[in-house]
Amino acid sequence: MYDPENPNLQPEDYSQHHWKRYLRILLWYSLAILVITLILIVLGYSGAGWEGAKNGLTWGLLVGIIGLPMVGLFISINVWSGYANRWGEVKYKEMLEGKPEDKKHEE
C-alpha cells in the first residue's frame, strides 16, 4: 500500500532531512563557482588566448574555493548579529520592566 509522505498536508519537517538542505547549499555553491570560473575564463581568453583561459580557470577555482566560504561567513555573521541584537534588546527590556505576563498579574 502506498503511504504518502505527508498525509496531513502539513509543511514538511526538514529537521529530519538535513542532507537535503546541505545538498541545496552545495548546489548553489558549485553553481556560483562555475559562473565565476566561466567569467574569468572568458576574460582570460579574450586577453591572452588559451594561456589566459587556463589562468582564468585557476583564478576562478581559487576565488570560488577560498572566497565564497568567506563571503558566506560574513553574510552569516551579519544575519545572526542582527538577530542577537534584537534578542538582547528584548531580554534587556524584560530585565528592566519585567515580563508582560508578570505585569498582568500585578494589576
N, C-alpha and C. Protein backbone atom coordinates (compact mmCIF):
# COMPACT_ATOMS: atom_id res chain seq x y z
N MET A 1 0.84 -1.18 0.00
CA MET A 1 0.00 0.00 0.00
C MET A 1 0.88 1.24 0.00
N TYR A 2 0.46 2.23 -0.72
CA TYR A 2 1.20 3.48 -0.82
C TYR A 2 0.88 4.39 0.36
N ASP A 3 1.89 4.78 1.11
CA ASP A 3 1.73 5.72 2.21
C ASP A 3 2.32 7.06 1.79
N PRO A 4 1.52 8.10 1.73
CA PRO A 4 2.09 9.40 1.36
C PRO A 4 3.03 9.89 2.44
N GLU A 5 4.01 10.67 2.01
CA GLU A 5 5.00 11.20 2.95
C GLU A 5 4.37 12.16 3.94
N ASN A 6 3.37 12.89 3.50
CA ASN A 6 2.77 13.93 4.33
C ASN A 6 1.25 13.78 4.28
N PRO A 7 0.68 12.84 5.03
CA PRO A 7 -0.76 12.58 4.89
C PRO A 7 -1.64 13.71 5.41
N ASN A 8 -1.18 14.53 6.33
CA ASN A 8 -2.00 15.60 6.90
C ASN A 8 -1.85 16.92 6.15
N LEU A 9 -1.08 16.92 5.08
CA LEU A 9 -0.84 18.11 4.28
C LEU A 9 -0.25 19.25 5.12
N GLN A 10 0.59 18.91 6.07
CA GLN A 10 1.30 19.89 6.87
C GLN A 10 2.62 20.22 6.18
N PRO A 11 3.19 21.38 6.47
CA PRO A 11 4.51 21.69 5.89
C PRO A 11 5.51 20.62 6.29
N GLU A 12 6.38 20.29 5.37
CA GLU A 12 7.34 19.23 5.62
C GLU A 12 8.34 19.66 6.69
N ASP A 13 8.64 18.74 7.60
CA ASP A 13 9.59 18.99 8.67
C ASP A 13 10.98 18.65 8.15
N TYR A 14 11.81 19.67 7.95
CA TYR A 14 13.14 19.46 7.40
C TYR A 14 14.17 19.09 8.47
N SER A 15 13.74 19.00 9.73
CA SER A 15 14.70 18.66 10.77
C SER A 15 15.22 17.24 10.60
N GLN A 16 14.46 16.40 9.94
CA GLN A 16 14.89 15.02 9.69
C GLN A 16 15.71 14.90 8.41
N HIS A 17 15.71 15.93 7.58
CA HIS A 17 16.35 15.85 6.27
C HIS A 17 17.44 16.92 6.14
N HIS A 18 18.41 16.89 7.02
CA HIS A 18 19.49 17.87 6.95
C HIS A 18 20.27 17.74 5.66
N TRP A 19 20.39 16.54 5.15
CA TRP A 19 21.19 16.34 3.95
C TRP A 19 20.56 17.03 2.75
N LYS A 20 19.24 17.18 2.70
CA LYS A 20 18.61 17.90 1.59
C LYS A 20 19.03 19.36 1.60
N ARG A 21 19.06 19.94 2.78
CA ARG A 21 19.47 21.34 2.91
C ARG A 21 20.92 21.50 2.50
N TYR A 22 21.78 20.58 2.95
CA TYR A 22 23.19 20.66 2.61
C TYR A 22 23.42 20.48 1.11
N LEU A 23 22.65 19.60 0.50
CA LEU A 23 22.78 19.41 -0.96
C LEU A 23 22.33 20.65 -1.71
N ARG A 24 21.29 21.31 -1.24
CA ARG A 24 20.83 22.53 -1.89
C ARG A 24 21.89 23.62 -1.77
N ILE A 25 22.49 23.75 -0.59
CA ILE A 25 23.54 24.75 -0.41
C ILE A 25 24.74 24.42 -1.28
N LEU A 26 25.11 23.13 -1.34
CA LEU A 26 26.23 22.70 -2.18
C LEU A 26 25.96 22.95 -3.66
N LEU A 27 24.71 22.77 -4.08
CA LEU A 27 24.35 23.04 -5.47
C LEU A 27 24.55 24.52 -5.81
N TRP A 28 24.05 25.41 -4.96
CA TRP A 28 24.20 26.84 -5.21
C TRP A 28 25.65 27.27 -5.13
N TYR A 29 26.39 26.68 -4.22
CA TYR A 29 27.81 26.99 -4.07
C TYR A 29 28.57 26.59 -5.34
N SER A 30 28.31 25.38 -5.83
CA SER A 30 29.01 24.93 -7.04
C SER A 30 28.57 25.73 -8.27
N LEU A 31 27.32 26.14 -8.31
CA LEU A 31 26.85 26.97 -9.42
C LEU A 31 27.55 28.33 -9.40
N ALA A 32 27.74 28.90 -8.21
CA ALA A 32 28.45 30.18 -8.10
C ALA A 32 29.90 30.03 -8.54
N ILE A 33 30.55 28.94 -8.13
CA ILE A 33 31.94 28.70 -8.55
C ILE A 33 32.01 28.55 -10.07
N LEU A 34 31.05 27.84 -10.66
CA LEU A 34 31.03 27.65 -12.11
C LEU A 34 30.88 28.98 -12.84
N VAL A 35 29.97 29.83 -12.38
CA VAL A 35 29.75 31.12 -13.04
C VAL A 35 30.99 32.01 -12.92
N ILE A 36 31.57 32.07 -11.71
CA ILE A 36 32.77 32.89 -11.51
C ILE A 36 33.90 32.38 -12.41
N THR A 37 34.08 31.07 -12.45
CA THR A 37 35.15 30.48 -13.25
C THR A 37 34.94 30.74 -14.74
N LEU A 38 33.70 30.58 -15.22
CA LEU A 38 33.44 30.83 -16.64
C LEU A 38 33.70 32.28 -17.01
N ILE A 39 33.32 33.20 -16.15
CA ILE A 39 33.57 34.62 -16.44
C ILE A 39 35.07 34.89 -16.53
N LEU A 40 35.83 34.33 -15.59
CA LEU A 40 37.28 34.56 -15.62
C LEU A 40 37.95 33.85 -16.80
N ILE A 41 37.43 32.69 -17.20
CA ILE A 41 37.97 32.00 -18.38
C ILE A 41 37.75 32.85 -19.62
N VAL A 42 36.54 33.39 -19.78
CA VAL A 42 36.24 34.21 -20.95
C VAL A 42 37.11 35.47 -20.96
N LEU A 43 37.24 36.10 -19.81
CA LEU A 43 38.10 37.30 -19.74
C LEU A 43 39.55 36.96 -20.04
N GLY A 44 40.02 35.83 -19.51
CA GLY A 44 41.40 35.43 -19.77
C GLY A 44 41.63 35.07 -21.23
N TYR A 45 40.65 34.38 -21.84
CA TYR A 45 40.80 34.01 -23.25
C TYR A 45 40.78 35.24 -24.15
N SER A 46 39.91 36.20 -23.82
CA SER A 46 39.86 37.40 -24.66
C SER A 46 41.12 38.25 -24.51
N GLY A 47 41.80 38.14 -23.38
CA GLY A 47 43.00 38.94 -23.16
C GLY A 47 44.27 38.27 -23.62
N ALA A 48 44.40 36.94 -23.42
CA ALA A 48 45.69 36.29 -23.71
C ALA A 48 45.55 34.93 -24.37
N GLY A 49 44.40 34.62 -24.93
CA GLY A 49 44.24 33.34 -25.62
C GLY A 49 44.10 32.18 -24.64
N TRP A 50 44.60 31.01 -25.06
CA TRP A 50 44.42 29.80 -24.24
C TRP A 50 45.19 29.85 -22.93
N GLU A 51 46.32 30.49 -22.92
CA GLU A 51 47.06 30.63 -21.66
C GLU A 51 46.27 31.49 -20.67
N GLY A 52 45.64 32.53 -21.18
CA GLY A 52 44.79 33.36 -20.32
C GLY A 52 43.57 32.61 -19.82
N ALA A 53 43.04 31.72 -20.68
CA ALA A 53 41.89 30.91 -20.27
C ALA A 53 42.29 29.95 -19.14
N LYS A 54 43.49 29.35 -19.25
CA LYS A 54 43.96 28.46 -18.18
C LYS A 54 44.18 29.25 -16.89
N ASN A 55 44.74 30.44 -17.02
CA ASN A 55 44.94 31.29 -15.87
C ASN A 55 43.59 31.69 -15.25
N GLY A 56 42.60 32.01 -16.08
CA GLY A 56 41.26 32.34 -15.60
C GLY A 56 40.61 31.16 -14.88
N LEU A 57 40.84 29.95 -15.40
CA LEU A 57 40.33 28.75 -14.74
C LEU A 57 40.94 28.60 -13.34
N THR A 58 42.24 28.78 -13.26
CA THR A 58 42.92 28.66 -11.98
C THR A 58 42.40 29.71 -10.99
N TRP A 59 42.33 30.95 -11.44
CA TRP A 59 41.86 32.01 -10.55
C TRP A 59 40.39 31.84 -10.18
N GLY A 60 39.59 31.37 -11.10
CA GLY A 60 38.18 31.14 -10.81
C GLY A 60 37.99 30.08 -9.74
N LEU A 61 38.74 28.99 -9.85
CA LEU A 61 38.64 27.95 -8.83
C LEU A 61 39.16 28.42 -7.48
N LEU A 62 40.26 29.17 -7.50
CA LEU A 62 40.80 29.68 -6.24
C LEU A 62 39.84 30.67 -5.57
N VAL A 63 39.30 31.58 -6.35
CA VAL A 63 38.35 32.54 -5.79
C VAL A 63 37.13 31.82 -5.25
N GLY A 64 36.65 30.83 -6.00
CA GLY A 64 35.47 30.10 -5.56
C GLY A 64 35.71 29.29 -4.30
N ILE A 65 36.83 28.60 -4.24
CA ILE A 65 37.11 27.72 -3.11
C ILE A 65 37.49 28.51 -1.86
N ILE A 66 38.22 29.59 -2.03
CA ILE A 66 38.67 30.37 -0.87
C ILE A 66 37.71 31.52 -0.56
N GLY A 67 37.24 32.21 -1.58
CA GLY A 67 36.46 33.42 -1.37
C GLY A 67 35.02 33.20 -0.98
N LEU A 68 34.34 32.23 -1.57
CA LEU A 68 32.92 32.05 -1.28
C LEU A 68 32.63 31.64 0.16
N PRO A 69 33.43 30.76 0.78
CA PRO A 69 33.16 30.49 2.20
C PRO A 69 33.33 31.73 3.07
N MET A 70 34.29 32.59 2.73
CA MET A 70 34.47 33.82 3.49
C MET A 70 33.25 34.73 3.35
N VAL A 71 32.72 34.85 2.13
CA VAL A 71 31.53 35.67 1.91
C VAL A 71 30.35 35.09 2.68
N GLY A 72 30.20 33.76 2.64
CA GLY A 72 29.13 33.10 3.40
C GLY A 72 29.26 33.35 4.89
N LEU A 73 30.48 33.32 5.38
CA LEU A 73 30.72 33.60 6.80
C LEU A 73 30.33 35.03 7.14
N PHE A 74 30.69 35.97 6.31
CA PHE A 74 30.34 37.37 6.57
C PHE A 74 28.82 37.59 6.51
N ILE A 75 28.16 36.95 5.57
CA ILE A 75 26.69 37.07 5.49
C ILE A 75 26.06 36.46 6.73
N SER A 76 26.55 35.31 7.14
CA SER A 76 26.02 34.65 8.34
C SER A 76 26.22 35.51 9.58
N ILE A 77 27.39 36.10 9.71
CA ILE A 77 27.66 36.97 10.86
C ILE A 77 26.71 38.16 10.84
N ASN A 78 26.50 38.73 9.68
CA ASN A 78 25.61 39.89 9.56
C ASN A 78 24.18 39.52 9.96
N VAL A 79 23.68 38.40 9.48
CA VAL A 79 22.31 37.99 9.78
C VAL A 79 22.17 37.66 11.26
N TRP A 80 23.06 36.84 11.80
CA TRP A 80 22.92 36.41 13.18
C TRP A 80 23.22 37.52 14.17
N SER A 81 24.07 38.48 13.81
CA SER A 81 24.30 39.58 14.74
C SER A 81 23.06 40.45 14.85
N GLY A 82 22.33 40.63 13.76
CA GLY A 82 21.07 41.36 13.83
C GLY A 82 20.06 40.65 14.72
N TYR A 83 20.00 39.32 14.58
CA TYR A 83 19.10 38.54 15.44
C TYR A 83 19.52 38.66 16.90
N ALA A 84 20.82 38.56 17.16
CA ALA A 84 21.32 38.64 18.53
C ALA A 84 21.04 40.02 19.13
N ASN A 85 21.15 41.07 18.31
CA ASN A 85 20.85 42.42 18.81
C ASN A 85 19.39 42.53 19.23
N ARG A 86 18.48 42.03 18.41
CA ARG A 86 17.06 42.11 18.74
C ARG A 86 16.74 41.27 19.97
N TRP A 87 17.32 40.08 20.06
CA TRP A 87 17.08 39.20 21.20
C TRP A 87 17.62 39.85 22.48
N GLY A 88 18.82 40.42 22.39
CA GLY A 88 19.39 41.09 23.55
C GLY A 88 18.56 42.28 23.99
N GLU A 89 18.01 43.00 23.04
CA GLU A 89 17.17 44.15 23.37
C GLU A 89 15.92 43.70 24.12
N VAL A 90 15.30 42.62 23.67
CA VAL A 90 14.11 42.10 24.34
C VAL A 90 14.45 41.64 25.76
N LYS A 91 15.56 40.92 25.91
CA LYS A 91 15.96 40.44 27.24
C LYS A 91 16.30 41.60 28.18
N TYR A 92 16.94 42.63 27.66
CA TYR A 92 17.27 43.80 28.48
C TYR A 92 16.00 44.51 28.93
N LYS A 93 15.04 44.62 28.02
CA LYS A 93 13.77 45.26 28.37
C LYS A 93 13.04 44.44 29.42
N GLU A 94 13.11 43.10 29.32
CA GLU A 94 12.49 42.24 30.32
C GLU A 94 13.15 42.42 31.68
N MET A 95 14.48 42.58 31.68
CA MET A 95 15.19 42.79 32.95
C MET A 95 14.78 44.10 33.60
N LEU A 96 14.60 45.15 32.80
CA LEU A 96 14.25 46.46 33.35
C LEU A 96 12.78 46.54 33.77
N GLU A 97 11.90 46.07 32.90
CA GLU A 97 10.47 46.28 33.11
C GLU A 97 9.74 45.03 33.57
N GLY A 98 10.36 43.88 33.48
CA GLY A 98 9.68 42.63 33.81
C GLY A 98 8.98 42.07 32.59
N LYS A 99 8.55 40.84 32.69
CA LYS A 99 7.86 40.19 31.57
C LYS A 99 6.43 40.69 31.48
N PRO A 100 5.86 40.73 30.28
CA PRO A 100 4.49 41.23 30.12
C PRO A 100 3.47 40.41 30.91
N GLU A 101 3.65 39.09 30.99
CA GLU A 101 2.68 38.27 31.72
C GLU A 101 2.76 38.51 33.22
N ASP A 102 3.92 38.94 33.73
CA ASP A 102 4.04 39.28 35.14
C ASP A 102 3.31 40.57 35.46
N LYS A 103 3.29 41.50 34.52
CA LYS A 103 2.59 42.78 34.74
C LYS A 103 1.09 42.58 34.86
N LYS A 104 0.52 41.64 34.10
CA LYS A 104 -0.92 41.40 34.14
C LYS A 104 -1.35 40.92 35.51
N HIS A 105 -0.53 40.11 36.16
CA HIS A 105 -0.89 39.57 37.47
C HIS A 105 -0.78 40.63 38.57
N GLU A 106 0.11 41.59 38.38
CA GLU A 106 0.30 42.63 39.40
C GLU A 106 -0.83 43.63 39.43
N GLU A 107 -1.47 43.87 38.30
CA GLU A 107 -2.51 44.90 38.21
C GLU A 107 -3.81 44.49 38.81
